[in-house]
Amino acid sequence: MIAARTTAPPRGDFPVFRPIATRWLDNDHYGHVNNVVYYSYFDTAVNGYLSDTAATDIRALPAIGLVVETGCQYFAPISFPDQLEVGLALERLGHSSVTYRLAVFVAGPCGGRGGGAVRTRLRRL
């Protein structure tokens, strides 16, 4: 089911930001970051945040998180050499799952344009 179109989330909705540099290979034939690459940005941001806050190698933890549901809306194109920030917010913390809200923004003091936003639900295995 396709979600109703919404507006890009404001930067103020996200308490944590992780820097991400675009790469030349992120661009597709149309000159913007390919849709699938956004998911690598989200994965890198969440795992980097978890690694930093846990002060450990998350690969060594006794449980792993599996993505069981995700969806993304795209609001404005981004492309190399844009410098990005991925905003992270905790939407829901359950007993065996967590749901994050994430959004890609072009870095800068004004917040830049929002590239895409996603909700990702992880379940512990």
Protein backbone atom coordinates (compact mmCIF):
# COMPACT_ATOMS: atom_id res chain seq x y z
CA MET A 1 0.00 0.00 0.00
CA ILE A 2 1.39 3.40 -0.94
CA ALA A 3 1.36 5.95 1.87
CA ALA A 4 -0.31 9.31 1.36
CA ARG A 5 2.13 12.00 0.26
CA THR A 6 3.31 14.19 3.10
CA THR A 7 5.64 17.15 3.39
CA ALA A 8 9.31 16.74 4.22
CA PRO A 9 9.90 16.53 7.97
CA PRO A 10 11.61 19.54 9.55
CA ARG A 11 15.11 19.23 10.99
CA GLY A 12 13.71 20.08 14.42
CA ASP A 13 12.00 16.66 14.52
CA PHE A 14 15.37 14.94 14.86
CA PRO A 15 17.54 15.14 17.98
CA VAL A 16 20.56 13.37 16.43
CA PHE A 17 22.35 13.94 13.12
CA ARG A 18 24.99 11.81 11.44
CA PRO A 19 27.17 13.19 8.60
CA ILE A 20 27.22 11.27 5.32
CA ALA A 21 29.29 12.17 2.26
CA THR A 22 27.82 11.36 -1.14
CA ARG A 23 30.04 9.48 -3.54
CA TRP A 24 30.30 9.73 -7.30
CA LEU A 25 28.98 6.17 -7.62
CA ASP A 26 25.82 7.10 -5.65
CA ASN A 27 24.54 9.01 -8.68
CA ASP A 28 22.47 7.19 -11.27
CA HIS A 29 22.12 7.85 -14.98
CA TYR A 30 19.69 10.70 -14.24
CA GLY A 31 22.31 12.62 -12.22
CA HIS A 32 20.87 12.18 -8.75
CA VAL A 33 21.40 9.72 -5.91
CA ASN A 34 19.67 6.46 -6.76
CA ASN A 35 16.73 5.55 -4.50
CA VAL A 36 18.35 2.38 -3.17
CA VAL A 37 21.40 4.34 -1.96
CA TYR A 38 19.23 6.18 0.58
CA TYR A 39 18.84 2.90 2.43
CA SER A 40 22.62 2.56 2.75
CA TYR A 41 22.71 6.09 4.22
CA PHE A 42 20.02 5.14 6.75
CA ASP A 43 21.78 1.89 7.66
CA THR A 44 25.13 3.67 8.05
CA ALA A 45 23.60 6.39 10.23
CA VAL A 46 21.77 4.01 12.58
CA ASN A 47 24.66 1.57 12.97
CA GLY A 48 27.18 4.39 13.40
CA TYR A 49 25.02 5.95 16.09
CA LEU A 50 24.55 2.62 17.89
CA SER A 51 28.26 1.88 17.69
CA ASP A 52 29.18 5.31 19.09
CA THR A 53 26.62 5.31 21.90
CA ALA A 54 27.27 1.70 22.93
CA ALA A 55 31.03 2.33 22.79
CA THR A 56 31.44 -1.16 21.41
CA ASP A 57 31.62 -3.02 18.13
CA ILE A 58 27.94 -3.78 17.52
CA ARG A 59 28.94 -6.86 15.53
CA ALA A 60 30.10 -8.39 18.82
CA LEU A 61 26.77 -7.96 20.63
CA PRO A 62 24.77 -11.12 21.51
CA ALA A 63 21.70 -10.03 19.48
CA ILE A 64 21.36 -8.51 16.02
CA GLY A 65 18.67 -6.25 14.63
CA LEU A 66 16.89 -7.23 11.43
CA VAL A 67 14.94 -4.76 9.33
CA VAL A 68 11.40 -6.14 9.15
CA GLU A 69 9.58 -3.14 7.70
CA THR A 70 10.63 0.01 5.91
CA GLY A 71 9.29 2.65 3.55
CA CYS A 72 10.73 5.83 2.07
CA GLN A 73 9.31 9.02 0.61
CA TYR A 74 11.51 11.22 -1.58
CA PHE A 75 11.10 14.99 -1.40
CA ALA A 76 13.98 16.55 -3.36
CA PRO A 77 16.86 15.18 -5.39
CA ILE A 78 20.37 15.05 -3.97
CA SER A 79 23.54 14.31 -5.88
CA PHE A 80 27.30 14.11 -5.62
CA PRO A 81 29.08 16.15 -4.21
CA ASP A 82 26.36 17.06 -1.67
CA GLN A 83 27.35 16.70 1.98
CA LEU A 84 24.45 15.18 3.90
CA GLU A 85 23.18 14.77 7.42
CA VAL A 86 20.86 11.93 8.38
CA GLY A 87 18.50 12.88 11.19
CA LEU A 88 17.59 10.11 13.64
CA ALA A 89 14.65 9.97 16.02
CA LEU A 90 13.28 7.13 18.10
CA GLU A 91 9.64 6.59 17.22
CA ARG A 92 8.90 3.52 19.31
CA LEU A 93 10.87 1.28 21.66
CA GLY A 94 9.29 -2.12 22.31
CA HIS A 95 10.43 -5.24 24.16
CA SER A 96 11.95 -6.87 21.09
CA SER A 97 11.78 -4.14 18.45
CA VAL A 98 12.59 -0.51 17.82
CA THR A 99 11.24 1.90 15.21
CA TYR A 100 13.39 4.77 13.99
CA ARG A 101 12.37 7.83 12.03
CA LEU A 102 15.15 9.00 9.71
CA ALA A 103 15.54 11.76 7.15
CA VAL A 104 18.27 12.90 4.79
CA PHE A 105 19.13 16.60 4.69
CA VAL A 106 21.74 18.50 2.73
CA ALA A 107 24.18 19.75 5.37
CA GLY A 108 24.37 23.43 6.19
CA PRO A 109 23.29 26.05 8.69
CA CYS A 110 19.90 26.53 7.05
CA GLY A 111 19.16 22.83 6.98
CA GLY A 112 19.12 22.55 3.21
CA ARG A 113 16.56 20.48 1.38
CA GLY A 114 15.27 17.15 2.57
CA GLY A 115 16.12 14.27 0.28
CA GLY A 116 14.10 11.42 1.75
CA ALA A 117 12.46 10.21 4.91
CA VAL A 118 11.93 6.68 6.18
CA ARG A 119 10.50 4.72 9.08
CA THR A 120 12.41 1.56 9.84
CA ARG A 121 11.33 -1.11 12.29
CA LEU A 122 13.95 -3.51 13.59
CA ARG A 123 13.33 -6.75 15.43
CA ARG A 124 15.94 -8.39 17.64
CA LEU A 125 17.11 -11.86 16.66
